[in-house]
């Protein structure tokens, strides 16, 4: 079996979500996905990676991954080259599972769990649709299904949102109310009034539901170290589960200083790629929960190595998801295959909304738990309607 075509696709409506399809002369096709920067990602796929893939055995996943990862000039970052390599790698695992008629989690070693607890990342339905998707105040509650306008919810009705999540069985939530002052002040400082305003969602949540729900704090690497420590001290009375990416992920020493300053766990980081920067963090006790994005870190091949590395340091693994439906499925497969998986990120505004417009199946989520995907490979495909969309951008490299 040989690779005969490498195809990229994205839609103008959801342009941050980029798919890669790897075709073979046996008629088996693998589907992968990454997120953000469609022009640069697709250029790297066709100008660089296609030459490494066409004519190759698609089941030589480890060898191909190594070549692709070392072709990424940013190597330890999740730049366009690494995102492209990640999407291809996911597609190769999907293809491998289809050839063997087994789900990807089985190909990765089998189920380590029968179900996994989820937390809800409180995004609005269209949070990741535009190219500039970080600012909290850019996303009106009217975008998409108002029932899942969870970003607007945590900013204005946090207590009600926590009660609603608990009613559906979800016992953990992630919020980021510190983003607006970070963007206003370039992350250099936070005023007393800004700090009080950002603390209000935590006060409302604890007043409404007490400690029945966990709160993960996303800081998006927007703060300098002194201000991040200041924010952490202010949040400690609310007992959050973790502080995620409090500073930029380019200094293990600085992150270790932050970790030593607070009794709350540090989670890092969706923006890192390959296992090597994670080792630097783990060697310095700079992170307690190891998070990866499957579509950014080097794919499933690298993600399982990162999870195993975390396990050697007795650290839990957590797969990131605030991206697209195929990467979410890949993340769920990875999570079920790893014994040290702590919890699975999910976005109910997505899996109850636009994910269903793009793929044939999404992971089953019930009562606050996610269950293993069924079927060969990833267990999902692009819906036929995607290929008929007028805003579809498609490119193919062939032998």
Protein backbone atom coordinates (compact mmCIF):
# COMPACT_ATOMS: atom_id res chain seq x y z
CA UNK A 1 0.00 0.00 0.00
CA UNK A 2 1.31 3.42 -1.01
CA UNK A 3 0.21 7.01 -0.49
CA UNK A 4 -1.09 8.38 -3.79
CA UNK A 5 -2.66 11.72 -2.79
CA UNK A 6 -2.45 14.27 0.01
CA UNK A 7 -5.47 16.55 0.19
CA UNK A 8 -6.19 19.64 2.30
CA UNK A 9 -9.60 21.18 2.89
CA UNK A 10 -11.11 24.01 4.88
CA UNK A 11 -14.23 26.13 4.65
CA UNK A 12 -14.35 29.91 4.71
CA UNK A 13 -16.99 29.77 7.43
CA UNK A 14 -14.81 27.67 9.74
CA UNK A 15 -11.47 28.61 8.26
CA UNK A 16 -9.47 27.86 11.42
CA UNK A 17 -10.31 24.16 11.07
CA UNK A 18 -8.04 22.54 8.47
CA UNK A 19 -8.44 18.92 7.37
CA UNK A 20 -5.88 16.65 5.74
CA UNK A 21 -6.89 13.49 3.90
CA UNK A 22 -4.25 10.90 2.98
CA UNK A 23 -5.30 8.66 0.08
CA UNK A 24 -3.77 5.28 -0.85
CA UNK A 25 -3.72 2.95 -3.82
CA UNK A 26 -5.69 0.46 -1.70
CA UNK A 27 -8.64 2.83 -1.60
CA UNK A 28 -8.26 3.53 2.13
CA UNK A 29 -8.24 7.20 3.19
CA UNK A 30 -7.15 8.68 6.51
CA UNK A 31 -8.58 11.89 7.94
CA UNK A 32 -6.66 14.35 10.12
CA UNK A 33 -7.15 17.87 11.38
CA UNK A 34 -5.38 20.86 12.84
CA UNK A 35 -6.42 24.35 13.81
CA UNK A 36 -5.50 27.94 12.89
CA UNK A 37 -3.64 29.46 9.96
CA UNK A 38 -5.12 27.65 6.95
CA UNK A 39 -2.90 29.33 4.36
CA UNK A 40 0.39 28.57 6.07
CA UNK A 41 -0.63 25.06 7.11
CA UNK A 42 -1.83 24.01 3.67
CA UNK A 43 1.26 25.53 2.05
CA UNK A 44 3.52 23.43 4.26
CA UNK A 45 1.50 20.29 3.57
CA UNK A 46 1.79 20.67 -0.20
CA UNK A 47 5.18 22.34 -0.55
CA UNK A 48 7.08 20.25 1.99
CA UNK A 49 5.23 17.30 3.47
CA UNK A 50 3.66 15.95 0.28
CA UNK A 51 7.15 15.27 -1.09
CA UNK A 52 7.88 13.18 2.01
CA UNK A 53 4.59 11.29 1.84
CA UNK A 54 3.74 10.46 -1.77
CA UNK A 55 4.76 6.94 -2.69
CA UNK A 56 5.43 5.99 0.96
CA UNK A 57 3.94 3.18 3.00
CA UNK A 58 1.33 5.00 5.16
CA UNK A 59 1.76 2.50 7.97
CA UNK A 60 5.37 3.57 8.59
CA UNK A 61 3.91 6.12 10.98
CA UNK A 62 6.85 6.46 13.36
CA UNK A 63 9.39 7.01 10.59
CA UNK A 64 7.15 9.46 8.74
CA UNK A 65 6.37 11.38 11.91
CA UNK A 66 10.03 11.78 12.71
CA UNK A 67 10.73 13.19 9.26
CA UNK A 68 7.78 15.57 9.44
CA UNK A 69 8.56 16.81 12.94
CA UNK A 70 12.20 17.46 12.08
CA UNK A 71 11.01 19.39 9.03
CA UNK A 72 9.23 21.80 11.40
CA UNK A 73 11.53 24.76 11.81
CA UNK A 74 9.86 25.77 15.07
CA UNK A 75 10.40 22.22 16.36
CA UNK A 76 9.32 22.74 19.98
CA UNK A 77 6.52 25.17 19.17
CA UNK A 78 3.12 24.61 17.61
CA UNK A 79 3.84 26.67 14.51
CA UNK A 80 2.37 26.07 11.08
CA UNK A 81 4.86 23.33 10.19
CA UNK A 82 4.09 21.39 13.38
CA UNK A 83 0.35 21.82 12.97
CA UNK A 84 0.60 20.48 9.42
CA UNK A 85 2.64 17.49 10.60
CA UNK A 86 0.13 16.84 13.38
CA UNK A 87 -2.81 16.74 10.98
CA UNK A 88 -1.01 14.29 8.70
CA UNK A 89 -0.06 12.11 11.65
CA UNK A 90 -3.68 11.93 12.84
CA UNK A 91 -4.71 10.94 9.31
CA UNK A 92 -2.14 8.13 9.26
CA UNK A 93 -3.46 6.71 12.55
CA UNK A 94 -7.00 6.93 11.21
CA UNK A 95 -5.87 5.05 8.12
CA UNK A 96 -4.04 2.45 10.24
CA UNK A 97 -7.17 1.78 12.25
CA UNK A 98 -9.25 1.40 9.10
CA UNK A 99 -6.78 -1.08 7.62
CA UNK A 100 -6.99 -3.17 10.80
CA UNK A 101 -10.73 -2.54 11.28
CA UNK A 102 -10.08 -1.32 14.82
CA UNK A 103 -10.54 2.03 16.60
CA UNK A 104 -7.50 4.24 17.05
CA UNK A 105 -7.49 3.80 20.83
CA UNK A 106 -7.00 0.07 20.23
CA UNK A 107 -4.10 0.78 17.90
CA UNK A 108 -2.56 2.94 20.64
CA UNK A 109 -2.66 0.07 23.14
CA UNK A 110 -6.31 -0.39 24.02
CA UNK A 111 -8.69 1.09 26.55
CA UNK A 112 -7.26 2.18 29.88
CA UNK A 113 -10.66 3.51 31.00
CA UNK A 114 -14.31 2.65 30.36
CA UNK A 115 -15.37 6.29 30.63
CA UNK A 116 -13.67 9.61 31.40
CA UNK A 117 -14.93 12.64 33.25
CA UNK A 118 -15.17 15.81 31.17
CA UNK A 119 -14.92 19.49 31.94
CA UNK A 120 -16.69 22.15 29.94
CA UNK A 121 -14.62 24.91 28.42
CA UNK A 122 -17.07 27.77 28.58
CA UNK A 123 -16.85 29.11 25.05
CA UNK A 124 -19.69 30.53 22.97
CA UNK A 125 -20.82 28.58 19.88
CA UNK A 126 -18.77 30.69 17.45
CA UNK A 127 -15.80 31.38 19.76
CA UNK A 128 -13.21 29.79 17.44
CA UNK A 129 -14.80 30.70 14.14
CA UNK A 130 -12.94 33.95 13.40
CA UNK A 131 -9.19 34.28 13.02
CA UNK A 132 -8.95 36.42 16.19
CA UNK A 133 -10.54 34.11 18.75
CA UNK A 134 -8.98 35.09 22.09
CA UNK A 135 -10.75 38.26 23.26
CA UNK A 136 -13.61 37.51 25.63
CA UNK A 137 -15.62 40.59 24.68
CA UNK A 138 -15.73 39.77 20.94
CA UNK A 139 -18.36 37.08 21.26
CA UNK A 140 -21.97 38.12 21.59
CA UNK A 141 -24.41 35.64 23.10
CA UNK A 142 -26.51 35.71 19.94
CA UNK A 143 -23.88 33.86 17.89
CA UNK A 144 -25.08 30.31 17.44
CA UNK A 145 -27.33 28.46 19.91
CA UNK A 146 -28.00 30.81 22.85
CA UNK A 147 -28.47 27.79 25.15
CA UNK A 148 -24.70 27.25 25.00
CA UNK A 149 -23.49 30.86 25.14
CA UNK A 150 -21.21 29.79 27.96
CA UNK A 151 -18.58 32.49 27.53
CA UNK A 152 -21.20 35.17 27.88
CA UNK A 153 -22.52 33.06 30.75
CA UNK A 154 -19.34 32.97 32.81
CA UNK A 155 -18.77 36.69 32.28
CA UNK A 156 -22.27 37.73 33.35
CA UNK A 157 -24.20 34.81 34.91
CA UNK A 158 -21.52 32.52 36.28
CA UNK A 159 -23.62 31.10 39.11
CA UNK A 160 -26.48 30.18 36.81
CA UNK A 161 -24.04 28.64 34.34
CA UNK A 162 -22.49 26.45 37.07
CA UNK A 163 -25.94 25.28 38.14
CA UNK A 164 -26.86 24.45 34.54
CA UNK A 165 -23.67 22.45 34.02
CA UNK A 166 -24.22 20.49 37.23
CA UNK A 167 -27.79 19.74 36.18
CA UNK A 168 -26.42 18.00 33.08
CA UNK A 169 -23.87 16.04 35.12
CA UNK A 170 -20.83 18.18 34.25
CA UNK A 171 -18.80 18.76 37.41
CA UNK A 172 -15.93 20.91 36.12
CA UNK A 173 -15.69 24.09 34.05
CA UNK A 174 -12.92 26.27 32.59
CA UNK A 175 -13.19 30.07 32.42
CA UNK A 176 -10.91 32.99 31.52
CA UNK A 177 -12.24 36.29 32.92
CA UNK A 178 -8.72 37.71 33.24
CA UNK A 179 -8.26 38.03 29.48
CA UNK A 180 -9.87 41.51 29.10
CA UNK A 181 -7.56 43.27 31.58
CA UNK A 182 -4.56 41.39 30.17
CA UNK A 183 -5.34 42.70 26.72
CA UNK A 184 -6.06 46.20 27.99
CA UNK A 185 -2.79 46.39 29.93
CA UNK A 186 -0.63 44.16 27.69
CA UNK A 187 -0.31 41.71 30.58
CA UNK A 188 2.01 44.08 32.46
CA UNK A 189 -0.22 44.78 35.47
CA UNK A 190 -3.77 44.51 36.76
CA UNK A 191 -5.54 47.27 38.66
CA UNK A 192 -7.50 46.70 41.87
CA UNK A 193 -10.80 47.34 40.11
CA UNK A 194 -9.89 44.98 37.24
CA UNK A 195 -8.90 42.27 39.70
CA UNK A 196 -12.17 42.61 41.61
CA UNK A 197 -14.20 42.44 38.39
CA UNK A 198 -12.34 39.33 37.17
CA UNK A 199 -12.91 37.62 40.54
CA UNK A 200 -16.69 38.10 40.37
CA UNK A 201 -17.39 34.92 38.32
CA UNK A 202 -15.56 32.84 40.93
CA UNK A 203 -17.53 34.48 43.73
CA UNK A 204 -20.82 33.80 41.94
CA UNK A 205 -19.94 30.18 41.22
CA UNK A 206 -18.94 29.39 44.79
CA UNK A 207 -22.00 31.22 46.16
CA UNK A 208 -24.34 29.32 43.83
CA UNK A 209 -22.96 25.78 44.01
CA UNK A 210 -20.19 25.81 46.61
CA UNK A 211 -17.46 23.31 45.89
CA UNK A 212 -19.70 20.94 43.91
CA UNK A 213 -18.03 22.08 40.68
CA UNK A 214 -14.34 22.35 39.87
CA UNK A 215 -13.04 25.53 38.24
CA UNK A 216 -10.09 25.49 35.86
CA UNK A 217 -8.53 28.91 35.27
CA UNK A 218 -7.24 29.65 31.77
CA UNK A 219 -4.77 32.54 31.65
CA UNK A 220 -3.74 32.16 27.98
CA UNK A 221 -0.06 33.01 28.63
CA UNK A 222 -1.01 36.69 28.68
CA UNK A 223 0.65 37.81 31.92
CA UNK A 224 4.12 38.60 33.13
CA UNK A 225 5.37 36.59 36.09
CA UNK A 226 4.77 39.07 38.97
CA UNK A 227 1.19 39.77 37.85
CA UNK A 228 0.44 36.08 37.30
CA UNK A 229 1.57 35.42 40.88
CA UNK A 230 -0.63 38.27 42.10
CA UNK A 231 -3.64 36.80 40.31
CA UNK A 232 -2.90 33.35 41.69
CA UNK A 233 -2.84 34.64 45.27
CA UNK A 234 -6.18 36.35 44.75
CA UNK A 235 -7.73 33.17 43.35
CA UNK A 236 -6.45 30.72 45.97
CA UNK A 237 -9.43 31.19 48.34
CA UNK A 238 -11.70 29.89 45.56
CA UNK A 239 -9.65 26.68 45.30
CA UNK A 240 -9.42 26.35 41.51
CA UNK A 241 -8.28 23.00 40.14
CA UNK A 242 -5.44 24.45 38.10
CA UNK A 243 -3.89 27.56 36.60
CA UNK A 244 -3.40 26.94 32.90
CA UNK A 245 -0.63 28.71 30.96
CA UNK A 246 -0.23 31.63 33.40
CA UNK A 247 2.82 33.02 31.55
CA UNK A 248 4.41 32.42 28.16
CA UNK A 249 5.62 28.87 27.79
CA UNK A 250 9.17 29.80 26.85
CA UNK A 251 10.86 29.76 30.26
CA UNK A 252 10.75 26.60 32.41
CA UNK A 253 12.59 28.49 35.13
CA UNK A 254 9.96 31.26 35.29
CA UNK A 255 7.08 28.77 35.24
CA UNK A 256 8.77 26.82 38.03
CA UNK A 257 8.94 30.03 40.09
CA UNK A 258 5.22 30.52 39.51
CA UNK A 259 4.50 26.90 40.50
CA UNK A 260 6.43 27.30 43.75
CA UNK A 261 4.46 30.44 44.61
CA UNK A 262 1.04 28.77 44.85
CA UNK A 263 -0.46 25.56 46.26
CA UNK A 264 -2.74 25.30 43.20
CA UNK A 265 -1.63 22.99 40.40
CA UNK A 266 -0.17 24.35 37.16
CA UNK A 267 -1.38 22.97 33.83
CA UNK A 268 0.86 23.30 30.75
CA UNK A 269 0.54 23.49 27.82
CA UNK A 270 -1.53 23.27 24.65
CA UNK A 271 0.97 25.50 22.81
CA UNK A 272 3.98 23.18 23.19
CA UNK A 273 5.05 20.60 20.64
CA UNK A 274 7.15 17.44 20.91
CA UNK A 275 8.09 15.84 24.22
CA UNK A 276 11.31 17.80 24.72
CA UNK A 277 9.93 21.08 26.14
CA UNK A 278 7.70 19.04 28.42
CA UNK A 279 10.76 17.31 29.83
CA UNK A 280 12.28 20.71 30.57
CA UNK A 281 9.14 21.66 32.52
CA UNK A 282 8.92 18.35 34.35
CA UNK A 283 12.60 18.38 35.31
CA UNK A 284 12.00 21.72 37.05
CA UNK A 285 8.69 20.78 38.71
CA UNK A 286 7.13 23.57 36.68
CA UNK A 287 3.89 21.76 35.80
CA UNK A 288 1.62 19.33 37.58
CA UNK A 289 -0.85 18.50 34.80
CA UNK A 290 0.56 17.85 31.33
CA UNK A 291 -1.74 19.15 28.61
CA UNK A 292 -1.30 18.57 24.88
CA UNK A 293 -3.27 19.51 21.81
CA UNK A 294 -3.23 16.50 19.49
CA UNK A 295 -3.49 18.71 16.41
CA UNK A 296 -0.55 20.90 17.46
CA UNK A 297 1.95 18.80 19.42
CA UNK A 298 3.05 16.46 16.63
CA UNK A 299 -0.06 14.30 16.39
CA UNK A 300 -1.03 11.09 18.12
CA UNK A 301 2.49 9.69 17.71
CA UNK A 302 4.01 12.46 19.80
CA UNK A 303 1.07 12.84 22.19
CA UNK A 304 1.38 9.29 23.50
CA UNK A 305 5.10 9.87 24.11
CA UNK A 306 4.32 13.04 26.02
CA UNK A 307 1.71 11.19 28.09
CA UNK A 308 4.20 8.41 28.85
CA UNK A 309 6.82 11.00 29.79
CA UNK A 310 4.34 12.64 32.17
CA UNK A 311 3.61 9.25 33.72
CA UNK A 312 7.29 8.72 34.53
CA UNK A 313 7.09 11.90 36.63
CA UNK A 314 3.80 10.76 38.22
CA UNK A 315 1.96 13.56 36.47
CA UNK A 316 -1.52 13.25 34.93
CA UNK A 317 -2.22 13.78 31.25
CA UNK A 318 -5.02 15.97 29.84
CA UNK A 319 -5.85 16.37 26.16
CA UNK A 320 -6.77 19.89 25.03
CA UNK A 321 -9.87 20.58 23.00
CA UNK A 322 -11.23 23.92 21.92
CA UNK A 323 -10.65 23.33 18.23
CA UNK A 324 -12.37 21.14 15.60
CA UNK A 325 -14.35 17.89 15.63
CA UNK A 326 -11.72 15.56 14.14
CA UNK A 327 -9.01 16.70 16.55
CA UNK A 328 -11.52 16.30 19.39
CA UNK A 329 -12.13 12.70 18.34
CA UNK A 330 -8.37 12.10 18.13
CA UNK A 331 -7.92 13.59 21.59
CA UNK A 332 -10.59 11.31 23.02
CA UNK A 333 -8.86 8.26 21.49
CA UNK A 334 -5.56 9.39 23.01
CA UNK A 335 -7.15 10.00 26.40
CA UNK A 336 -8.72 6.55 26.57
CA UNK A 337 -5.46 4.85 25.63
CA UNK A 338 -3.33 6.50 28.33
CA UNK A 339 -3.46 5.22 31.93
CA UNK A 340 -2.61 8.60 33.45
CA UNK A 341 -5.40 10.58 31.78
CA UNK A 342 -7.00 12.87 34.34
CA UNK A 343 -9.95 14.44 32.54
CA UNK A 344 -11.07 15.29 29.00
CA UNK A 345 -11.64 18.86 27.86
CA UNK A 346 -14.79 19.45 25.83
CA UNK A 347 -16.90 22.37 24.64
CA UNK A 348 -20.63 21.72 24.77
CA UNK A 349 -21.24 24.74 22.54
CA UNK A 350 -19.30 22.85 19.87
CA UNK A 351 -20.28 19.19 20.22
CA UNK A 352 -23.95 20.18 20.54
CA UNK A 353 -23.60 22.62 17.66
CA UNK A 354 -21.40 23.09 14.63
CA UNK A 355 -19.39 19.88 15.04
CA UNK A 356 -22.50 18.01 13.91
CA UNK A 357 -22.62 20.04 10.69
CA UNK A 358 -19.13 18.92 9.69
CA UNK A 359 -18.61 15.28 10.73
CA UNK A 360 -20.62 12.09 10.77
CA UNK A 361 -20.03 11.23 14.44
CA UNK A 362 -18.80 12.87 17.62
CA UNK A 363 -17.84 11.24 20.92
CA UNK A 364 -20.77 10.21 23.10
CA UNK A 365 -21.05 12.49 26.14
CA UNK A 366 -23.58 11.68 28.83
CA UNK A 367 -23.92 12.67 32.46
CA UNK A 368 -20.57 14.44 32.60
CA UNK A 369 -18.59 11.59 31.04
CA UNK A 370 -17.24 10.85 27.57
CA UNK A 371 -17.25 7.31 26.22
CA UNK A 372 -14.91 5.59 23.71
CA UNK A 373 -15.45 6.20 20.02
CA UNK A 374 -16.63 3.18 18.07
CA UNK A 375 -15.82 1.99 14.57
CA UNK A 376 -12.52 1.67 12.69
CA UNK A 377 -9.97 4.48 12.78
CA UNK A 378 -11.16 7.67 14.41
CA UNK A 379 -14.76 6.59 13.95
CA UNK A 380 -15.78 9.76 12.15
CA UNK A 381 -15.66 11.24 8.63
CA UNK A 382 -16.42 14.55 7.00
CA UNK A 383 -20.09 14.74 6.13
CA UNK A 384 -20.86 14.46 2.39
CA UNK A 385 -22.35 17.96 2.46
CA UNK A 386 -18.94 19.42 3.32
CA UNK A 387 -17.63 18.49 -0.13
CA UNK A 388 -20.52 20.34 -1.79
CA UNK A 389 -20.07 23.59 0.11
CA UNK A 390 -19.52 26.69 -1.99
CA UNK A 391 -16.96 28.04 0.49
CA UNK A 392 -14.79 24.89 0.49
CA UNK A 393 -11.10 25.47 -0.28
CA UNK A 394 -9.51 22.25 -1.51
CA UNK A 395 -6.08 21.36 -2.79
CA UNK A 396 -4.57 18.00 -3.80
CA UNK A 397 -0.99 16.83 -4.32
CA UNK A 398 -0.63 13.59 -6.30
CA UNK A 399 2.10 11.18 -7.26
